[in-house]
Amino acid sequence: GTPSSCWHLLLSLRCVPAGLLSVETYTACDTPPPAEQLTALLQAVDIFSPNEAEAASIVGPGSPEQLVQRLLAAGARTVSLRMGPQGVLVADGLSNMMWHVS
């Protein structure tokens, strides 16, 4: 569907009681989204799970820890940064704790 229809679907799914909404990106951005759009997306989902290249295309280059911190600062509740064979870096925005899972 169109970005607009996908956005409306995300917002409607956010209202499902006792549900958990996770978004796993599938490609890097050609250009980073405007800050207000990124914040709205991140605040609409429970878990945001990009890989390193996708995260860097959204918030700029950096170490895995920097990418996760920038996504949390932009409004993510939980980030699960997929790092291929190196595992996953998971961070919780409420506790500001980060775990490396391999």
PDB file of N, CA and C in Angstrom:
ATOM      1  N   GLY A   1       0.814  -1.187   0.000  1.00  0.00           N
ATOM      2  CA  GLY A   1       0.000   0.000   0.000  1.00  0.00           C
ATOM      3  C   GLY A   1       0.854   1.246   0.000  1.00  0.00           C
ATOM      4  N   THR A   2       0.197   2.367  -0.009  1.00  0.00           N
ATOM      5  CA  THR A   2       0.883   3.648   0.010  1.00  0.00           C
ATOM      6  C   THR A   2       1.393   3.933   1.412  1.00  0.00           C
ATOM      7  N   PRO A   3       2.381   4.825   1.555  1.00  0.00           N
ATOM      8  CA  PRO A   3       2.837   5.179   2.905  1.00  0.00           C
ATOM      9  C   PRO A   3       1.692   5.665   3.784  1.00  0.00           C
ATOM     10  N   SER A   4       0.757   6.404   3.204  1.00  0.00           N
ATOM     11  CA  SER A   4      -0.377   6.916   3.980  1.00  0.00           C
ATOM     12  C   SER A   4      -1.256   5.779   4.486  1.00  0.00           C
ATOM     13  N   SER A   5      -1.538   4.795   3.621  1.00  0.00           N
ATOM     14  CA  SER A   5      -2.382   3.677   4.052  1.00  0.00           C
ATOM     15  C   SER A   5      -1.651   2.824   5.087  1.00  0.00           C
ATOM     16  N   CYS A   6      -0.343   2.674   4.945  1.00  0.00           N
ATOM     17  CA  CYS A   6       0.436   1.929   5.939  1.00  0.00           C
ATOM     18  C   CYS A   6       0.414   2.650   7.276  1.00  0.00           C
ATOM     19  N   TRP A   7       0.527   3.972   7.237  1.00  0.00           N
ATOM     20  CA  TRP A   7       0.508   4.766   8.462  1.00  0.00           C
ATOM     21  C   TRP A   7      -0.828   4.605   9.184  1.00  0.00           C
ATOM     22  N   HIS A   8      -1.931   4.680   8.428  1.00  0.00           N
ATOM     23  CA  HIS A   8      -3.263   4.528   9.035  1.00  0.00           C
ATOM     24  C   HIS A   8      -3.440   3.124   9.617  1.00  0.00           C
ATOM     25  N   LEU A   9      -2.896   2.124   8.949  1.00  0.00           N
ATOM     26  CA  LEU A   9      -2.960   0.756   9.468  1.00  0.00           C
ATOM     27  C   LEU A   9      -2.188   0.646  10.782  1.00  0.00           C
ATOM     28  N   LEU A  10      -0.996   1.230  10.840  1.00  0.00           N
ATOM     29  CA  LEU A  10      -0.213   1.202  12.081  1.00  0.00           C
ATOM     30  C   LEU A  10      -0.982   1.851  13.227  1.00  0.00           C
ATOM     31  N   LEU A  11      -1.577   2.993  12.951  1.00  0.00           N
ATOM     32  CA  LEU A  11      -2.325   3.688  14.003  1.00  0.00           C
ATOM     33  C   LEU A  11      -3.527   2.890  14.468  1.00  0.00           C
ATOM     34  N   SER A  12      -4.208   2.212  13.547  1.00  0.00           N
ATOM     35  CA  SER A  12      -5.365   1.413  13.951  1.00  0.00           C
ATOM     36  C   SER A  12      -4.922   0.183  14.746  1.00  0.00           C
ATOM     37  N   LEU A  13      -3.797  -0.415  14.389  1.00  0.00           N
ATOM     38  CA  LEU A  13      -3.298  -1.578  15.126  1.00  0.00           C
ATOM     39  C   LEU A  13      -2.836  -1.190  16.525  1.00  0.00           C
ATOM     40  N   ARG A  14      -2.387   0.036  16.685  1.00  0.00           N
ATOM     41  CA  ARG A  14      -1.915   0.514  17.987  1.00  0.00           C
ATOM     42  C   ARG A  14      -3.046   0.493  19.017  1.00  0.00           C
ATOM     43  N   CYS A  15      -4.277   0.563  18.552  1.00  0.00           N
ATOM     44  CA  CYS A  15      -5.440   0.626  19.448  1.00  0.00           C
ATOM     45  C   CYS A  15      -5.959  -0.748  19.854  1.00  0.00           C
ATOM     46  N   VAL A  16      -5.350  -1.824  19.380  1.00  0.00           N
ATOM     47  CA  VAL A  16      -5.807  -3.169  19.718  1.00  0.00           C
ATOM     48  C   VAL A  16      -5.456  -3.450  21.180  1.00  0.00           C
ATOM     49  N   PRO A  17      -6.466  -3.807  22.011  1.00  0.00           N
ATOM     50  CA  PRO A  17      -6.178  -4.057  23.423  1.00  0.00           C
ATOM     51  C   PRO A  17      -5.254  -5.268  23.605  1.00  0.00           C
ATOM     52  N   ALA A  18      -4.374  -5.167  24.572  1.00  0.00           N
ATOM     53  CA  ALA A  18      -3.461  -6.248  24.956  1.00  0.00           C
ATOM     54  C   ALA A  18      -2.567  -6.690  23.807  1.00  0.00           C
ATOM     55  N   GLY A  19      -2.378  -5.828  22.846  1.00  0.00           N
ATOM     56  CA  GLY A  19      -1.519  -6.163  21.720  1.00  0.00           C
ATOM     57  C   GLY A  19      -0.147  -5.537  21.861  1.00  0.00           C
ATOM     58  N   LEU A  20       0.804  -6.056  21.109  1.00  0.00           N
ATOM     59  CA  LEU A  20       2.158  -5.540  21.058  1.00  0.00           C
ATOM     60  C   LEU A  20       2.478  -5.299  19.594  1.00  0.00           C
ATOM     61  N   LEU A  21       2.853  -4.095  19.248  1.00  0.00           N
ATOM     62  CA  LEU A  21       3.102  -3.755  17.854  1.00  0.00           C
ATOM     63  C   LEU A  21       4.604  -3.581  17.629  1.00  0.00           C
ATOM     64  N   SER A  22       5.146  -4.416  16.738  1.00  0.00           N
ATOM     65  CA  SER A  22       6.561  -4.380  16.401  1.00  0.00           C
ATOM     66  C   SER A  22       6.714  -4.060  14.929  1.00  0.00           C
ATOM     67  N   VAL A  23       7.648  -3.176  14.612  1.00  0.00           N
ATOM     68  CA  VAL A  23       7.933  -2.839  13.216  1.00  0.00           C
ATOM     69  C   VAL A  23       9.371  -3.222  12.924  1.00  0.00           C
ATOM     70  N   GLU A  24       9.546  -4.077  11.910  1.00  0.00           N
ATOM     71  CA  GLU A  24      10.875  -4.467  11.445  1.00  0.00           C
ATOM     72  C   GLU A  24      11.048  -3.889  10.049  1.00  0.00           C
ATOM     73  N   THR A  25      11.965  -2.949   9.920  1.00  0.00           N
ATOM     74  CA  THR A  25      12.195  -2.324   8.622  1.00  0.00           C
ATOM     75  C   THR A  25      12.813  -3.339   7.664  1.00  0.00           C
ATOM     76  N   TYR A  26      12.696  -3.076   6.375  1.00  0.00           N
ATOM     77  CA  TYR A  26      13.197  -4.038   5.394  1.00  0.00           C
ATOM     78  C   TYR A  26      14.148  -3.427   4.376  1.00  0.00           C
ATOM     79  N   THR A  27      14.352  -2.129   4.427  1.00  0.00           N
ATOM     80  CA  THR A  27      15.294  -1.491   3.518  1.00  0.00           C
ATOM     81  C   THR A  27      15.729  -0.154   4.105  1.00  0.00           C
ATOM     82  N   ALA A  28      16.907   0.297   3.695  1.00  0.00           N
ATOM     83  CA  ALA A  28      17.412   1.590   4.166  1.00  0.00           C
ATOM     84  C   ALA A  28      16.640   2.724   3.503  1.00  0.00           C
ATOM     85  N   CYS A  29      16.590   3.859   4.169  1.00  0.00           N
ATOM     86  CA  CYS A  29      15.935   5.053   3.628  1.00  0.00           C
ATOM     87  C   CYS A  29      16.849   5.731   2.614  1.00  0.00           C
ATOM     88  N   ASP A  30      16.249   6.275   1.549  1.00  0.00           N
ATOM     89  CA  ASP A  30      17.025   7.085   0.609  1.00  0.00           C
ATOM     90  C   ASP A  30      17.433   8.399   1.264  1.00  0.00           C
ATOM     91  N   THR A  31      16.514   8.968   2.038  1.00  0.00           N
ATOM     92  CA  THR A  31      16.779  10.182   2.811  1.00  0.00           C
ATOM     93  C   THR A  31      16.150   9.990   4.190  1.00  0.00           C
ATOM     94  N   PRO A  32      16.776  10.527   5.222  1.00  0.00           N
ATOM     95  CA  PRO A  32      16.198  10.379   6.566  1.00  0.00           C
ATOM     96  C   PRO A  32      14.827  11.049   6.644  1.00  0.00           C
ATOM     97  N   PRO A  33      13.918  10.484   7.416  1.00  0.00           N
ATOM     98  CA  PRO A  33      12.600  11.110   7.557  1.00  0.00           C
ATOM     99  C   PRO A  33      12.707  12.383   8.397  1.00  0.00           C
ATOM    100  N   PRO A  34      11.771  13.308   8.196  1.00  0.00           N
ATOM    101  CA  PRO A  34      11.743  14.486   9.073  1.00  0.00           C
ATOM    102  C   PRO A  34      11.572  14.039  10.530  1.00  0.00           C
ATOM    103  N   ALA A  35      12.160  14.784  11.448  1.00  0.00           N
ATOM    104  CA  ALA A  35      12.157  14.414  12.871  1.00  0.00           C
ATOM    105  C   ALA A  35      10.760  14.160  13.399  1.00  0.00           C
ATOM    106  N   GLU A  36       9.793  14.990  13.021  1.00  0.00           N
ATOM    107  CA  GLU A  36       8.433  14.808  13.554  1.00  0.00           C
ATOM    108  C   GLU A  36       7.787  13.527  13.041  1.00  0.00           C
ATOM    109  N   GLN A  37       8.078  13.133  11.812  1.00  0.00           N
ATOM    110  CA  GLN A  37       7.536  11.870  11.291  1.00  0.00           C
ATOM    111  C   GLN A  37       8.192  10.675  11.976  1.00  0.00           C
ATOM    112  N   LEU A  38       9.495  10.758  12.189  1.00  0.00           N
ATOM    113  CA  LEU A  38      10.197   9.670  12.875  1.00  0.00           C
ATOM    114  C   LEU A  38       9.658   9.504  14.293  1.00  0.00           C
ATOM    115  N   THR A  39       9.512  10.597  15.006  1.00  0.00           N
ATOM    116  CA  THR A  39       8.994  10.544  16.376  1.00  0.00           C
ATOM    117  C   THR A  39       7.593   9.951  16.400  1.00  0.00           C
ATOM    118  N   ALA A  40       6.742  10.367  15.476  1.00  0.00           N
ATOM    119  CA  ALA A  40       5.370   9.841  15.428  1.00  0.00           C
ATOM    120  C   ALA A  40       5.372   8.338  15.184  1.00  0.00           C
ATOM    121  N   LEU A  41       6.217   7.866  14.269  1.00  0.00           N
ATOM    122  CA  LEU A  41       6.304   6.433  13.998  1.00  0.00           C
ATOM    123  C   LEU A  41       6.801   5.680  15.220  1.00  0.00           C
ATOM    124  N   LEU A  42       7.894   6.154  15.809  1.00  0.00           N
ATOM    125  CA  LEU A  42       8.489   5.443  16.936  1.00  0.00           C
ATOM    126  C   LEU A  42       7.558   5.412  18.145  1.00  0.00           C
ATOM    127  N   GLN A  43       6.793   6.458  18.339  1.00  0.00           N
ATOM    128  CA  GLN A  43       5.865   6.493  19.465  1.00  0.00           C
ATOM    129  C   GLN A  43       4.609   5.665  19.209  1.00  0.00           C
ATOM    130  N   ALA A  44       4.361   5.300  17.952  1.00  0.00           N
ATOM    131  CA  ALA A  44       3.172   4.510  17.613  1.00  0.00           C
ATOM    132  C   ALA A  44       3.398   3.012  17.755  1.00  0.00           C
ATOM    133  N   VAL A  45       4.665   2.589  17.918  1.00  0.00           N
ATOM    134  CA  VAL A  45       4.968   1.161  17.997  1.00  0.00           C
ATOM    135  C   VAL A  45       5.626   0.826  19.333  1.00  0.00           C
ATOM    136  N   ASP A  46       5.536  -0.440  19.722  1.00  0.00           N
ATOM    137  CA  ASP A  46       6.151  -0.894  20.968  1.00  0.00           C
ATOM    138  C   ASP A  46       7.620  -1.259  20.772  1.00  0.00           C
ATOM    139  N   ILE A  47       7.921  -1.902  19.637  1.00  0.00           N
ATOM    140  CA  ILE A  47       9.288  -2.345  19.342  1.00  0.00           C
ATOM    141  C   ILE A  47       9.648  -1.900  17.933  1.00  0.00           C
ATOM    142  N   PHE A  48      10.794  -1.257  17.789  1.00  0.00           N
ATOM    143  CA  PHE A  48      11.289  -0.849  16.479  1.00  0.00           C
ATOM    144  C   PHE A  48      12.561  -1.635  16.226  1.00  0.00           C
ATOM    145  N   SER A  49      12.611  -2.373  15.095  1.00  0.00           N
ATOM    146  CA  SER A  49      13.710  -3.306  14.858  1.00  0.00           C
ATOM    147  C   SER A  49      14.338  -3.137  13.472  1.00  0.00           C
ATOM    148  N   PRO A  50      15.245  -2.162  13.333  1.00  0.00           N
ATOM    149  CA  PRO A  50      15.987  -2.044  12.075  1.00  0.00           C
ATOM    150  C   PRO A  50      17.304  -2.818  12.154  1.00  0.00           C
ATOM    151  N   ASN A  51      17.932  -3.032  10.997  1.00  0.00           N
ATOM    152  CA  ASN A  51      19.308  -3.519  11.042  1.00  0.00           C
ATOM    153  C   ASN A  51      20.224  -2.298  11.085  1.00  0.00           C
ATOM    154  N   GLU A  52      21.527  -2.509  11.156  1.00  0.00           N
ATOM    155  CA  GLU A  52      22.454  -1.379  11.305  1.00  0.00           C
ATOM    156  C   GLU A  52      22.379  -0.396  10.134  1.00  0.00           C
ATOM    157  N   ALA A  53      22.346  -0.902   8.906  1.00  0.00           N
ATOM    158  CA  ALA A  53      22.296  -0.016   7.737  1.00  0.00           C
ATOM    159  C   ALA A  53      20.990   0.776   7.714  1.00  0.00           C
ATOM    160  N   GLU A  54      19.890   0.121   8.047  1.00  0.00           N
ATOM    161  CA  GLU A  54      18.592   0.814   8.067  1.00  0.00           C
ATOM    162  C   GLU A  54      18.578   1.892   9.146  1.00  0.00           C
ATOM    163  N   ALA A  55      19.089   1.564  10.327  1.00  0.00           N
ATOM    164  CA  ALA A  55      19.133   2.544  11.422  1.00  0.00           C
ATOM    165  C   ALA A  55      20.013   3.736  11.040  1.00  0.00           C
ATOM    166  N   ALA A  56      21.172   3.461  10.459  1.00  0.00           N
ATOM    167  CA  ALA A  56      22.075   4.540  10.053  1.00  0.00           C
ATOM    168  C   ALA A  56      21.434   5.437   9.000  1.00  0.00           C
ATOM    169  N   SER A  57      20.617   4.859   8.128  1.00  0.00           N
ATOM    170  CA  SER A  57      19.950   5.674   7.106  1.00  0.00           C
ATOM    171  C   SER A  57      18.864   6.554   7.714  1.00  0.00           C
ATOM    172  N   ILE A  58      18.414   6.208   8.905  1.00  0.00           N
ATOM    173  CA  ILE A  58      17.358   6.969   9.582  1.00  0.00           C
ATOM    174  C   ILE A  58      17.948   8.039  10.503  1.00  0.00           C
ATOM    175  N   VAL A  59      18.980   7.678  11.279  1.00  0.00           N
ATOM    176  CA  VAL A  59      19.518   8.597  12.299  1.00  0.00           C
ATOM    177  C   VAL A  59      20.974   8.988  12.080  1.00  0.00           C
ATOM    178  N   GLY A  60      21.570   8.586  10.978  1.00  0.00           N
ATOM    179  CA  GLY A  60      22.961   8.933  10.695  1.00  0.00           C
ATOM    180  C   GLY A  60      23.913   7.847  11.153  1.00  0.00           C
ATOM    181  N   PRO A  61      25.135   7.845  10.615  1.00  0.00           N
ATOM    182  CA  PRO A  61      26.098   6.786  10.937  1.00  0.00           C
ATOM    183  C   PRO A  61      26.552   6.849  12.390  1.00  0.00           C
ATOM    184  N   GLY A  62      26.976   5.687  12.888  1.00  0.00           N
ATOM    185  CA  GLY A  62      27.491   5.612  14.242  1.00  0.00           C
ATOM    186  C   GLY A  62      27.667   4.170  14.666  1.00  0.00           C
ATOM    187  N   SER A  63      28.145   3.987  15.864  1.00  0.00           N
ATOM    188  CA  SER A  63      28.286   2.647  16.426  1.00  0.00           C
ATOM    189  C   SER A  63      26.892   2.094  16.713  1.00  0.00           C
ATOM    190  N   PRO A  64      26.770   0.788  16.887  1.00  0.00           N
ATOM    191  CA  PRO A  64      25.453   0.242  17.221  1.00  0.00           C
ATOM    192  C   PRO A  64      24.836   0.919  18.452  1.00  0.00           C
ATOM    193  N   GLU A  65      25.650   1.178  19.456  1.00  0.00           N
ATOM    194  CA  GLU A  65      25.141   1.831  20.671  1.00  0.00           C
ATOM    195  C   GLU A  65      24.636   3.239  20.367  1.00  0.00           C
ATOM    196  N   GLN A  66      25.364   3.968  19.528  1.00  0.00           N
ATOM    197  CA  GLN A  66      24.940   5.320  19.156  1.00  0.00           C
ATOM    198  C   GLN A  66      23.633   5.295  18.365  1.00  0.00           C
ATOM    199  N   LEU A  67      23.510   4.340  17.447  1.00  0.00           N
ATOM    200  CA  LEU A  67      22.280   4.230  16.657  1.00  0.00           C
ATOM    201  C   LEU A  67      21.085   3.986  17.569  1.00  0.00           C
ATOM    202  N   VAL A  68      21.242   3.064  18.498  1.00  0.00           N
ATOM    203  CA  VAL A  68      20.155   2.739  19.427  1.00  0.00           C
ATOM    204  C   VAL A  68      19.810   3.945  20.289  1.00  0.00           C
ATOM    205  N   GLN A  69      20.817   4.630  20.808  1.00  0.00           N
ATOM    206  CA  GLN A  69      20.565   5.801  21.651  1.00  0.00           C
ATOM    207  C   GLN A  69      19.831   6.889  20.882  1.00  0.00           C
ATOM    208  N   ARG A  70      20.185   7.092  19.627  1.00  0.00           N
ATOM    209  CA  ARG A  70      19.501   8.113  18.814  1.00  0.00           C
ATOM    210  C   ARG A  70      18.047   7.732  18.564  1.00  0.00           C
ATOM    211  N   LEU A  71      17.790   6.450  18.322  1.00  0.00           N
ATOM    212  CA  LEU A  71      16.400   6.019  18.120  1.00  0.00           C
ATOM    213  C   LEU A  71      15.586   6.171  19.400  1.00  0.00           C
ATOM    214  N   LEU A  72      16.188   5.857  20.539  1.00  0.00           N
ATOM    215  CA  LEU A  72      15.492   6.062  21.820  1.00  0.00           C
ATOM    216  C   LEU A  72      15.220   7.544  22.039  1.00  0.00           C
ATOM    217  N   ALA A  73      16.205   8.392  21.752  1.00  0.00           N
ATOM    218  CA  ALA A  73      16.040   9.834  21.927  1.00  0.00           C
ATOM    219  C   ALA A  73      14.957  10.389  21.006  1.00  0.00           C
ATOM    220  N   ALA A  74      14.763   9.733  19.862  1.00  0.00           N
ATOM    221  CA  ALA A  74      13.737  10.171  18.914  1.00  0.00           C
ATOM    222  C   ALA A  74      12.338   9.697  19.301  1.00  0.00           C
ATOM    223  N   GLY A  75      12.242   8.864  20.354  1.00  0.00           N
ATOM    224  CA  GLY A  75      10.917   8.479  20.824  1.00  0.00           C
ATOM    225  C   GLY A  75      10.615   6.994  20.881  1.00  0.00           C
ATOM    226  N   ALA A  76      11.579   6.141  20.509  1.00  0.00           N
ATOM    227  CA  ALA A  76      11.328   4.698  20.542  1.00  0.00           C
ATOM    228  C   ALA A  76      11.171   4.204  21.980  1.00  0.00           C
ATOM    229  N   ARG A  77      10.245   3.278  22.179  1.00  0.00           N
ATOM    230  CA  ARG A  77      10.078   2.644  23.497  1.00  0.00           C
ATOM    231  C   ARG A  77      11.116   1.547  23.687  1.00  0.00           C
ATOM    232  N   THR A  78      11.203   0.671  22.697  1.00  0.00           N
ATOM    233  CA  THR A  78      12.165  -0.427  22.703  1.00  0.00           C
ATOM    234  C   THR A  78      12.773  -0.521  21.314  1.00  0.00           C
ATOM    235  N   VAL A  79      14.092  -0.670  21.272  1.00  0.00           N
ATOM    236  CA  VAL A  79      14.801  -0.843  19.998  1.00  0.00           C
ATOM    237  C   VAL A  79      15.481  -2.196  20.024  1.00  0.00           C
ATOM    238  N   SER A  80      15.339  -2.921  18.920  1.00  0.00           N
ATOM    239  CA  SER A  80      16.022  -4.195  18.726  1.00  0.00           C
ATOM    240  C   SER A  80      16.843  -4.049  17.441  1.00  0.00           C
ATOM    241  N   LEU A  81      18.123  -3.693  17.594  1.00  0.00           N
ATOM    242  CA  LEU A  81      18.993  -3.444  16.449  1.00  0.00           C
ATOM    243  C   LEU A  81      19.599  -4.758  15.986  1.00  0.00           C
ATOM    244  N   ARG A  82      19.220  -5.180  14.777  1.00  0.00           N
ATOM    245  CA  ARG A  82      19.702  -6.441  14.216  1.00  0.00           C
ATOM    246  C   ARG A  82      21.097  -6.219  13.614  1.00  0.00           C
ATOM    247  N   MET A  83      22.072  -7.032  14.071  1.00  0.00           N
ATOM    248  CA  MET A  83      23.462  -6.861  13.658  1.00  0.00           C
ATOM    249  C   MET A  83      24.035  -8.099  12.983  1.00  0.00           C
ATOM    250  N   GLY A  84      23.208  -8.871  12.319  1.00  0.00           N
ATOM    251  CA  GLY A  84      23.683 -10.045  11.604  1.00  0.00           C
ATOM    252  C   GLY A  84      24.350 -11.039  12.533  1.00  0.00           C
ATOM    253  N   PRO A  85      25.513 -11.574  12.134  1.00  0.00           N
ATOM    254  CA  PRO A  85      26.198 -12.589  12.951  1.00  0.00           C
ATOM    255  C   PRO A  85      26.613 -12.086  14.337  1.00  0.00           C
ATOM    256  N   GLN A  86      26.671 -10.760  14.510  1.00  0.00           N
ATOM    257  CA  GLN A  86      27.052 -10.205  15.816  1.00  0.00           C
ATOM    258  C   GLN A  86      25.886 -10.192  16.807  1.00  0.00           C
ATOM    259  N   GLY A  87      24.699 -10.593  16.355  1.00  0.00           N
ATOM    260  CA  GLY A  87      23.552 -10.682  17.258  1.00  0.00           C
ATOM    261  C   GLY A  87      22.634  -9.487  17.183  1.00  0.00           C
ATOM    262  N   VAL A  88      22.048  -9.161  18.321  1.00  0.00           N
ATOM    263  CA  VAL A  88      21.057  -8.093  18.409  1.00  0.00           C
ATOM    264  C   VAL A  88      21.390  -7.231  19.625  1.00  0.00           C
ATOM    265  N   LEU A  89      21.238  -5.927  19.464  1.00  0.00           N
ATOM    266  CA  LEU A  89      21.379  -5.004  20.576  1.00  0.00           C
ATOM    267  C   LEU A  89      19.975  -4.520  20.918  1.00  0.00           C
ATOM    268  N   VAL A  90      19.513  -4.844  22.121  1.00  0.00           N
ATOM    269  CA  VAL A  90      18.161  -4.496  22.552  1.00  0.00           C
ATOM    270  C   VAL A  90      18.260  -3.434  23.631  1.00  0.00           C
ATOM    271  N   ALA A  91      17.419  -2.404  23.509  1.00  0.00           N
ATOM    272  CA  ALA A  91      17.421  -1.334  24.505  1.00  0.00           C
ATOM    273  C   ALA A  91      15.995  -0.969  24.874  1.00  0.00           C
ATOM    274  N   ASP A  92      15.816  -0.699  26.151  1.00  0.00           N
ATOM    275  CA  ASP A  92      14.522  -0.282  26.678  1.00  0.00           C
ATOM    276  C   ASP A  92      14.592   1.205  26.998  1.00  0.00           C
ATOM    277  N   GLY A  93      13.692   1.988  26.405  1.00  0.00           N
ATOM    278  CA  GLY A  93      13.709   3.424  26.602  1.00  0.00           C
ATOM    279  C   GLY A  93      13.318   3.872  27.987  1.00  0.00           C
ATOM    280  N   LEU A  94      12.477   3.109  28.679  1.00  0.00           N
ATOM    281  CA  LEU A  94      12.056   3.509  30.021  1.00  0.00           C
ATOM    282  C   LEU A  94      13.175   3.362  31.041  1.00  0.00           C
ATOM    283  N   SER A  95      13.862   2.232  31.003  1.00  0.00           N
ATOM    284  CA  SER A  95      14.937   1.984  31.984  1.00  0.00           C
ATOM    285  C   SER A  95      16.291   2.461  31.474  1.00  0.00           C
ATOM    286  N   ASN A  96      16.362   2.754  30.161  1.00  0.00           N
ATOM    287  CA  ASN A  96      17.610   3.134  29.509  1.00  0.00           C
ATOM    288  C   ASN A  96      18.664   2.036  29.636  1.00  0.00           C
ATOM    289  N   MET A  97      18.211   0.785  29.730  1.00  0.00           N
ATOM    290  CA  MET A  97      19.122  -0.356  29.791  1.00  0.00           C
ATOM    291  C   MET A  97      19.298  -0.939  28.391  1.00  0.00           C
ATOM    292  N   MET A  98      20.479  -1.524  28.158  1.00  0.00           N
ATOM    293  CA  MET A  98      20.806  -2.093  26.863  1.00  0.00           C
ATOM    294  C   MET A  98      21.423  -3.471  27.065  1.00  0.00           C
ATOM    295  N   TRP A  99      21.025  -4.409  26.198  1.00  0.00           N
ATOM    296  CA  TRP A  99      21.549  -5.783  26.282  1.00  0.00           C
ATOM    297  C   TRP A  99      22.016  -6.213  24.901  1.00  0.00           C
ATOM    298  N   HIS A 100      23.152  -6.929  24.866  1.00  0.00           N
ATOM    299  CA  HIS A 100      23.634  -7.533  23.631  1.00  0.00           C
ATOM    300  C   HIS A 100      23.287  -9.019  23.683  1.00  0.00           C
ATOM    301  N   VAL A 101      22.533  -9.468  22.698  1.00  0.00           N
ATOM    302  CA  VAL A 101      22.128 -10.865  22.613  1.00  0.00           C
ATOM    303  C   VAL A 101      22.809 -11.456  21.386  1.00  0.00           C
ATOM    304  N   SER A 102      23.560 -12.522  21.599  1.00  0.00           N
ATOM    305  CA  SER A 102      24.246 -13.141  20.445  1.00  0.00           C
ATOM    306  C   SER A 102      23.753 -14.545  20.203  1.00  0.00           C
TER     307      SER A 102
END
